[in-house]
């Protein structure tokens, strides 16, 4: 939600994805946005969906949430963070 000339207080990003492989280590970014910080939908090397953000407002700093669903290759998923 945009509040005048100040900061966005809420953000939602989403994407339809189908993975052929997962990263051998770390994270692969599916979609990224930047406004008053940045947020990313990612997948980790275990095939788990990840929402990552670095925010300038409240909450401040880096935050990452890892989903508990193990994704499979070759299957379509709708990721939302």
Protein backbone atom coordinates (compact mmCIF):
# COMPACT_ATOMS: atom_id res chain seq x y z
CA UNK A 1 0.00 0.00 0.00
CA UNK A 2 1.41 3.40 -0.99
CA UNK A 3 1.17 6.17 1.56
CA UNK A 4 1.63 9.51 -0.22
CA UNK A 5 5.24 10.49 -0.79
CA UNK A 6 6.48 8.22 1.97
CA UNK A 7 7.03 4.46 1.71
CA UNK A 8 5.19 1.42 0.45
CA UNK A 9 3.95 -0.46 3.49
CA UNK A 10 2.95 -3.71 1.76
CA UNK A 11 4.17 -5.60 -1.27
CA UNK A 12 3.10 -8.79 -2.99
CA UNK A 13 4.96 -10.41 -5.84
CA UNK A 14 3.97 -13.60 -7.62
CA UNK A 15 4.93 -15.78 -10.56
CA UNK A 16 3.99 -19.01 -12.30
CA UNK A 17 7.13 -21.17 -12.41
CA UNK A 18 8.28 -24.57 -13.62
CA UNK A 19 11.81 -25.59 -12.74
CA UNK A 20 14.06 -27.80 -14.84
CA UNK A 21 16.71 -27.83 -12.10
CA UNK A 22 17.40 -26.18 -8.76
CA UNK A 23 20.59 -24.26 -7.94
CA UNK A 24 23.51 -26.41 -6.83
CA UNK A 25 24.00 -24.04 -3.88
CA UNK A 26 22.48 -20.84 -2.58
CA UNK A 27 19.43 -19.33 -4.27
CA UNK A 28 18.09 -18.59 -7.76
CA UNK A 29 15.88 -15.52 -8.11
CA UNK A 30 12.60 -16.05 -9.95
CA UNK A 31 11.33 -12.45 -9.81
CA UNK A 32 12.60 -9.32 -8.11
CA UNK A 33 11.22 -5.85 -7.42
CA UNK A 34 12.76 -2.72 -5.98
CA UNK A 35 10.92 0.10 -4.28
CA UNK A 36 11.81 1.39 -0.80
CA UNK A 37 14.02 -1.69 -0.51
CA UNK A 38 13.76 -4.83 -2.56
CA UNK A 39 11.98 -8.15 -2.46
CA UNK A 40 12.57 -11.40 -4.32
CA UNK A 41 10.87 -14.71 -4.94
CA UNK A 42 13.58 -17.34 -4.98
CA UNK A 43 14.16 -21.07 -4.86
CA UNK A 44 16.91 -22.67 -2.78
CA UNK A 45 19.12 -25.65 -3.55
CA UNK A 46 16.70 -27.98 -1.70
CA UNK A 47 13.83 -26.92 -3.99
CA UNK A 48 12.08 -24.82 -1.34
CA UNK A 49 10.38 -21.52 -2.23
CA UNK A 50 11.89 -18.45 -0.57
CA UNK A 51 10.65 -14.89 -0.08
CA UNK A 52 13.52 -12.49 0.59
CA UNK A 53 13.46 -8.78 1.28
CA UNK A 54 15.73 -5.96 2.31
CA UNK A 55 13.53 -3.20 3.63
CA UNK A 56 14.27 0.43 4.48
CA UNK A 57 11.14 0.99 6.54
CA UNK A 58 9.52 -1.26 9.14
CA UNK A 59 10.60 -4.01 9.36
CA UNK A 60 14.10 -2.73 8.62
CA UNK A 61 16.91 -4.82 7.16
CA UNK A 62 17.17 -8.24 5.53
CA UNK A 63 14.45 -10.84 6.08
CA UNK A 64 14.03 -14.27 4.49
CA UNK A 65 11.18 -16.75 4.81
CA UNK A 66 11.61 -20.29 3.48
CA UNK A 67 8.52 -22.31 2.59
CA UNK A 68 8.13 -25.85 3.87
CA UNK A 69 6.87 -27.28 0.56
CA UNK A 70 9.49 -29.20 -1.41
CA UNK A 71 9.01 -28.25 -5.05
CA UNK A 72 9.57 -30.78 -7.83
CA UNK A 73 11.08 -30.22 -11.25
CA UNK A 74 8.75 -30.34 -14.25
CA UNK A 75 5.67 -29.17 -12.30
CA UNK A 76 3.99 -25.74 -12.56
CA UNK A 77 3.66 -23.78 -9.29
CA UNK A 78 2.18 -20.38 -8.46
CA UNK A 79 4.54 -18.69 -6.00
CA UNK A 80 3.40 -15.70 -3.95
CA UNK A 81 5.36 -13.71 -1.41
